[in-house]
Protein backbone atom coordinates (compact mmCIF):
# COMPACT_ATOMS: atom_id res chain seq x y z
CA MET A 1 19.76 11.94 -13.31
CA SER A 2 16.19 12.44 -12.17
CA LEU A 3 13.47 13.33 -14.65
CA PRO A 4 10.77 15.84 -13.70
CA PRO A 5 7.29 14.42 -13.09
CA LEU A 6 4.93 14.45 -16.07
CA VAL A 7 1.85 15.31 -14.01
CA GLU A 8 1.47 17.79 -11.18
CA PRO A 9 -0.40 16.61 -8.07
CA ALA A 10 -4.13 17.29 -7.91
CA ALA A 11 -5.96 18.88 -5.02
CA GLU A 12 -6.26 17.07 -1.70
CA LEU A 13 -7.95 13.68 -1.70
CA THR A 14 -11.45 13.47 -0.26
CA VAL A 15 -12.30 11.14 2.61
CA ASP A 16 -14.05 8.83 0.14
CA GLU A 17 -10.98 8.75 -2.14
CA ILE A 18 -8.70 8.04 0.82
CA ARG A 19 -10.94 5.12 1.75
CA ARG A 20 -11.12 3.87 -1.86
CA TYR A 21 -7.37 4.09 -2.56
CA SER A 22 -6.12 3.19 0.93
CA ARG A 23 -4.15 0.21 -0.40
CA HIS A 24 -2.30 2.44 -2.85
CA LEU A 25 -1.54 5.00 -0.17
CA ILE A 26 0.40 2.52 1.97
CA ILE A 27 2.72 1.55 -0.90
CA PRO A 28 5.92 3.59 -0.35
CA ASP A 29 6.45 4.24 -4.08
CA VAL A 30 2.91 5.59 -4.54
CA GLY A 31 1.74 7.25 -1.33
CA VAL A 32 -0.55 10.26 -1.16
CA GLU A 33 1.53 12.34 -3.57
CA GLY A 34 1.53 9.59 -6.21
CA GLN A 35 -2.21 9.03 -5.88
CA LYS A 36 -2.83 12.75 -6.34
CA ARG A 37 -0.72 12.61 -9.51
CA LEU A 38 -2.77 9.63 -10.75
CA LYS A 39 -5.95 11.60 -10.06
CA ASN A 40 -4.66 14.45 -12.22
CA ALA A 41 -3.38 12.17 -15.04
CA ARG A 42 -5.14 11.58 -18.35
CA VAL A 43 -4.98 8.57 -20.69
CA LEU A 44 -5.92 8.16 -24.33
CA CYS A 45 -6.86 4.65 -25.40
CA VAL A 46 -7.51 4.05 -29.08
CA GLY A 47 -9.67 0.97 -29.36
CA ALA A 48 -11.28 -0.78 -26.44
CA GLY A 49 -11.12 -4.34 -27.68
CA GLY A 50 -9.72 -7.37 -25.94
CA LEU A 51 -6.62 -5.57 -24.65
CA GLY A 52 -7.79 -1.98 -24.29
CA SER A 53 -10.96 -2.75 -22.35
CA PRO A 54 -9.28 -4.45 -19.35
CA ALA A 55 -6.46 -1.88 -19.42
CA LEU A 56 -9.01 0.94 -19.12
CA MET A 57 -10.78 -0.89 -16.30
CA TYR A 58 -7.53 -1.24 -14.31
CA LEU A 59 -6.51 2.37 -14.96
CA ALA A 60 -9.90 3.62 -13.78
CA ALA A 61 -9.73 1.40 -10.68
CA ALA A 62 -6.29 2.83 -9.89
CA GLY A 63 -7.76 6.35 -9.95
CA VAL A 64 -6.38 7.67 -13.21
CA GLY A 65 -8.27 10.76 -14.26
CA THR A 66 -11.02 10.55 -11.67
């Protein structure tokens, strides 16, 4: 049984975004469609202490919500 995606894909990626996320785009499980979904995703982090701060940094670097 396949679950529906939680986030719809965003608009097309810009040339700068393609350059920035090129390593993600070549991963078969992510690809362009997955990166567009990450771009459209949102995250709520309560507390940015020792665990939340690096998690937010990695999520931002992956393109979540940008």
